[in-house]
Amino acid sequence: MKFIGKINREIYKCITDNIVTDEVIITDERVQHIKERHPNDYEQYFKFMSDILESPDYILEANKPNTAFILKLIT
């Protein structure tokens, strides 16, 4: 389990009001999933993860409860 950063819960209320912490972690299982299903994405984008979560350009509701797609333009 790795600590990624903190979020502003106010801006994520568009997905759910039921956010109990502002701390974001990623499990080893999710890291492995990313590496297997999205080759090179983890290595290329993980260094931006904290910034993406703290300052997203878009937050879109996903098809699973309490889940979102967080988008940010990285140049």
N, C-alpha and C. Protein backbone atom coordinates (compact mmCIF):
# COMPACT_ATOMS: atom_id res chain seq x y z
N MET A 1 0.85 -1.17 0.00
CA MET A 1 0.00 0.00 0.00
C MET A 1 0.90 1.24 0.00
N LYS A 2 0.58 2.18 -0.89
CA LYS A 2 1.36 3.41 -0.99
C LYS A 2 0.47 4.63 -0.80
N PHE A 3 0.94 5.58 -0.02
CA PHE A 3 0.25 6.85 0.14
C PHE A 3 0.52 7.69 -1.11
N ILE A 4 -0.56 8.19 -1.73
CA ILE A 4 -0.41 8.99 -2.95
C ILE A 4 -0.48 10.48 -2.65
N GLY A 5 -1.42 10.88 -1.81
CA GLY A 5 -1.59 12.30 -1.51
C GLY A 5 -2.91 12.54 -0.82
N LYS A 6 -3.32 13.80 -0.81
CA LYS A 6 -4.58 14.18 -0.19
C LYS A 6 -5.45 14.88 -1.21
N ILE A 7 -6.76 14.75 -1.02
CA ILE A 7 -7.71 15.40 -1.91
C ILE A 7 -8.51 16.45 -1.14
N ASN A 8 -9.07 17.37 -1.88
CA ASN A 8 -10.04 18.31 -1.33
C ASN A 8 -11.40 17.64 -1.47
N ARG A 9 -11.96 17.18 -0.38
CA ARG A 9 -13.21 16.43 -0.43
C ARG A 9 -14.36 17.24 -1.02
N GLU A 10 -14.30 18.54 -0.90
CA GLU A 10 -15.36 19.40 -1.47
C GLU A 10 -15.50 19.21 -2.97
N ILE A 11 -14.39 19.16 -3.69
CA ILE A 11 -14.50 19.06 -5.15
C ILE A 11 -14.88 17.65 -5.61
N TYR A 12 -14.79 16.68 -4.73
CA TYR A 12 -15.18 15.31 -5.07
C TYR A 12 -16.61 14.99 -4.66
N LYS A 13 -17.32 15.95 -4.06
CA LYS A 13 -18.71 15.74 -3.69
C LYS A 13 -19.61 15.53 -4.90
N CYS A 14 -19.13 15.89 -6.08
CA CYS A 14 -19.92 15.66 -7.29
C CYS A 14 -20.11 14.16 -7.55
N ILE A 15 -19.27 13.33 -6.92
CA ILE A 15 -19.38 11.88 -7.05
C ILE A 15 -20.13 11.28 -5.86
N THR A 16 -19.76 11.70 -4.65
CA THR A 16 -20.41 11.19 -3.44
C THR A 16 -20.14 12.13 -2.27
N ASP A 17 -21.09 12.21 -1.38
CA ASP A 17 -20.90 12.97 -0.13
C ASP A 17 -20.25 12.10 0.94
N ASN A 18 -20.12 10.83 0.66
CA ASN A 18 -19.68 9.86 1.66
C ASN A 18 -18.18 9.57 1.58
N ILE A 19 -17.36 10.61 1.54
CA ILE A 19 -15.91 10.44 1.54
C ILE A 19 -15.44 10.64 2.98
N VAL A 20 -14.84 9.62 3.57
CA VAL A 20 -14.53 9.67 5.00
C VAL A 20 -13.14 10.19 5.31
N THR A 21 -12.26 10.26 4.32
CA THR A 21 -10.91 10.76 4.56
C THR A 21 -10.41 11.51 3.33
N ASP A 22 -9.44 12.35 3.55
CA ASP A 22 -8.84 13.06 2.41
C ASP A 22 -7.55 12.38 1.94
N GLU A 23 -7.16 11.31 2.61
CA GLU A 23 -5.94 10.60 2.25
C GLU A 23 -6.23 9.56 1.17
N VAL A 24 -5.37 9.53 0.17
CA VAL A 24 -5.53 8.59 -0.95
C VAL A 24 -4.35 7.61 -0.94
N ILE A 25 -4.68 6.34 -1.03
CA ILE A 25 -3.67 5.29 -1.09
C ILE A 25 -3.92 4.45 -2.35
N ILE A 26 -2.92 3.69 -2.74
CA ILE A 26 -3.09 2.71 -3.80
C ILE A 26 -2.51 1.40 -3.29
N THR A 27 -3.25 0.33 -3.52
CA THR A 27 -2.79 -0.97 -3.05
C THR A 27 -1.84 -1.59 -4.06
N ASP A 28 -1.06 -2.54 -3.60
CA ASP A 28 -0.15 -3.26 -4.48
C ASP A 28 -0.92 -3.99 -5.58
N GLU A 29 -2.11 -4.48 -5.24
CA GLU A 29 -2.95 -5.17 -6.22
C GLU A 29 -3.36 -4.23 -7.35
N ARG A 30 -3.71 -2.97 -7.02
CA ARG A 30 -4.10 -1.99 -8.05
C ARG A 30 -2.90 -1.58 -8.90
N VAL A 31 -1.75 -1.46 -8.29
CA VAL A 31 -0.54 -1.15 -9.05
C VAL A 31 -0.28 -2.26 -10.05
N GLN A 32 -0.39 -3.51 -9.61
CA GLN A 32 -0.19 -4.65 -10.51
C GLN A 32 -1.21 -4.64 -11.64
N HIS A 33 -2.46 -4.33 -11.32
CA HIS A 33 -3.51 -4.24 -12.34
C HIS A 33 -3.15 -3.20 -13.40
N ILE A 34 -2.72 -2.05 -12.96
CA ILE A 34 -2.35 -0.98 -13.90
C ILE A 34 -1.20 -1.44 -14.79
N LYS A 35 -0.20 -2.03 -14.18
CA LYS A 35 0.97 -2.48 -14.95
C LYS A 35 0.61 -3.56 -15.97
N GLU A 36 -0.32 -4.44 -15.61
CA GLU A 36 -0.72 -5.52 -16.52
C GLU A 36 -1.66 -5.05 -17.61
N ARG A 37 -2.64 -4.23 -17.25
CA ARG A 37 -3.69 -3.84 -18.20
C ARG A 37 -3.38 -2.59 -18.99
N HIS A 38 -2.48 -1.78 -18.48
CA HIS A 38 -2.15 -0.50 -19.13
C HIS A 38 -0.62 -0.36 -19.19
N PRO A 39 0.01 -1.18 -20.01
CA PRO A 39 1.48 -1.19 -20.05
C PRO A 39 2.08 0.21 -20.21
N ASN A 40 3.09 0.48 -19.43
CA ASN A 40 3.85 1.74 -19.43
C ASN A 40 3.13 2.92 -18.79
N ASP A 41 1.82 2.84 -18.55
CA ASP A 41 1.12 3.97 -17.95
C ASP A 41 1.59 4.26 -16.53
N TYR A 42 1.79 3.21 -15.74
CA TYR A 42 2.23 3.41 -14.36
C TYR A 42 3.56 4.15 -14.34
N GLU A 43 4.52 3.69 -15.09
CA GLU A 43 5.84 4.31 -15.12
C GLU A 43 5.78 5.73 -15.67
N GLN A 44 4.93 5.95 -16.65
CA GLN A 44 4.87 7.25 -17.30
C GLN A 44 4.09 8.29 -16.49
N TYR A 45 3.02 7.87 -15.80
CA TYR A 45 2.12 8.84 -15.18
C TYR A 45 2.06 8.84 -13.66
N PHE A 46 2.57 7.80 -13.00
CA PHE A 46 2.42 7.74 -11.55
C PHE A 46 3.05 8.94 -10.85
N LYS A 47 4.12 9.47 -11.38
CA LYS A 47 4.77 10.62 -10.75
C LYS A 47 3.86 11.86 -10.71
N PHE A 48 2.81 11.87 -11.53
CA PHE A 48 1.87 12.98 -11.57
C PHE A 48 0.62 12.73 -10.73
N MET A 49 0.50 11.54 -10.15
CA MET A 49 -0.74 11.12 -9.50
C MET A 49 -1.21 12.08 -8.42
N SER A 50 -0.32 12.54 -7.57
CA SER A 50 -0.70 13.45 -6.50
C SER A 50 -1.28 14.75 -7.08
N ASP A 51 -0.64 15.30 -8.08
CA ASP A 51 -1.12 16.53 -8.71
C ASP A 51 -2.46 16.31 -9.40
N ILE A 52 -2.62 15.16 -10.05
CA ILE A 52 -3.88 14.85 -10.72
C ILE A 52 -5.02 14.81 -9.71
N LEU A 53 -4.81 14.15 -8.58
CA LEU A 53 -5.85 14.03 -7.56
C LEU A 53 -6.14 15.36 -6.87
N GLU A 54 -5.10 16.14 -6.61
CA GLU A 54 -5.27 17.40 -5.90
C GLU A 54 -5.84 18.51 -6.78
N SER A 55 -5.58 18.43 -8.08
CA SER A 55 -6.01 19.51 -8.97
C SER A 55 -6.49 18.95 -10.32
N PRO A 56 -7.57 18.18 -10.30
CA PRO A 56 -8.04 17.57 -11.55
C PRO A 56 -8.67 18.61 -12.48
N ASP A 57 -8.60 18.34 -13.78
CA ASP A 57 -9.30 19.19 -14.75
C ASP A 57 -10.77 18.78 -14.83
N TYR A 58 -11.02 17.49 -14.73
CA TYR A 58 -12.39 16.96 -14.78
C TYR A 58 -12.52 15.81 -13.80
N ILE A 59 -13.72 15.69 -13.23
CA ILE A 59 -14.08 14.56 -12.39
C ILE A 59 -15.37 14.00 -12.97
N LEU A 60 -15.32 12.77 -13.46
CA LEU A 60 -16.48 12.15 -14.10
C LEU A 60 -16.93 10.95 -13.29
N GLU A 61 -18.23 10.80 -13.13
CA GLU A 61 -18.76 9.65 -12.42
C GLU A 61 -18.57 8.40 -13.26
N ALA A 62 -18.06 7.35 -12.64
CA ALA A 62 -17.84 6.08 -13.34
C ALA A 62 -19.07 5.20 -13.21
N ASN A 63 -19.02 4.03 -13.81
CA ASN A 63 -20.17 3.13 -13.78
C ASN A 63 -20.24 2.26 -12.52
N LYS A 64 -19.33 2.46 -11.59
CA LYS A 64 -19.36 1.76 -10.31
C LYS A 64 -19.68 2.77 -9.21
N PRO A 65 -20.42 2.38 -8.19
CA PRO A 65 -20.75 3.32 -7.10
C PRO A 65 -19.50 3.90 -6.44
N ASN A 66 -19.58 5.18 -6.11
CA ASN A 66 -18.50 5.88 -5.41
C ASN A 66 -17.16 5.81 -6.14
N THR A 67 -17.22 5.78 -7.46
CA THR A 67 -16.03 5.68 -8.28
C THR A 67 -16.04 6.79 -9.33
N ALA A 68 -14.86 7.33 -9.60
CA ALA A 68 -14.77 8.44 -10.55
C ALA A 68 -13.60 8.24 -11.50
N PHE A 69 -13.71 8.88 -12.65
CA PHE A 69 -12.59 9.04 -13.56
C PHE A 69 -12.05 10.43 -13.32
N ILE A 70 -10.78 10.53 -12.98
CA ILE A 70 -10.15 11.80 -12.71
C ILE A 70 -9.24 12.12 -13.89
N LEU A 71 -9.48 13.26 -14.54
CA LEU A 71 -8.75 13.61 -15.75
C LEU A 71 -7.95 14.89 -15.56
N LYS A 72 -6.75 14.90 -16.11
CA LYS A 72 -5.91 16.09 -16.08
C LYS A 72 -5.03 16.09 -17.31
N LEU A 73 -4.93 17.24 -17.96
CA LEU A 73 -4.06 17.38 -19.10
C LEU A 73 -2.63 17.51 -18.61
N ILE A 74 -1.77 16.65 -19.09
CA ILE A 74 -0.34 16.68 -18.72
C ILE A 74 0.42 16.95 -20.00
N THR A 75 1.19 18.03 -20.00
CA THR A 75 1.95 18.37 -21.20
C THR A 75 3.43 18.10 -21.00
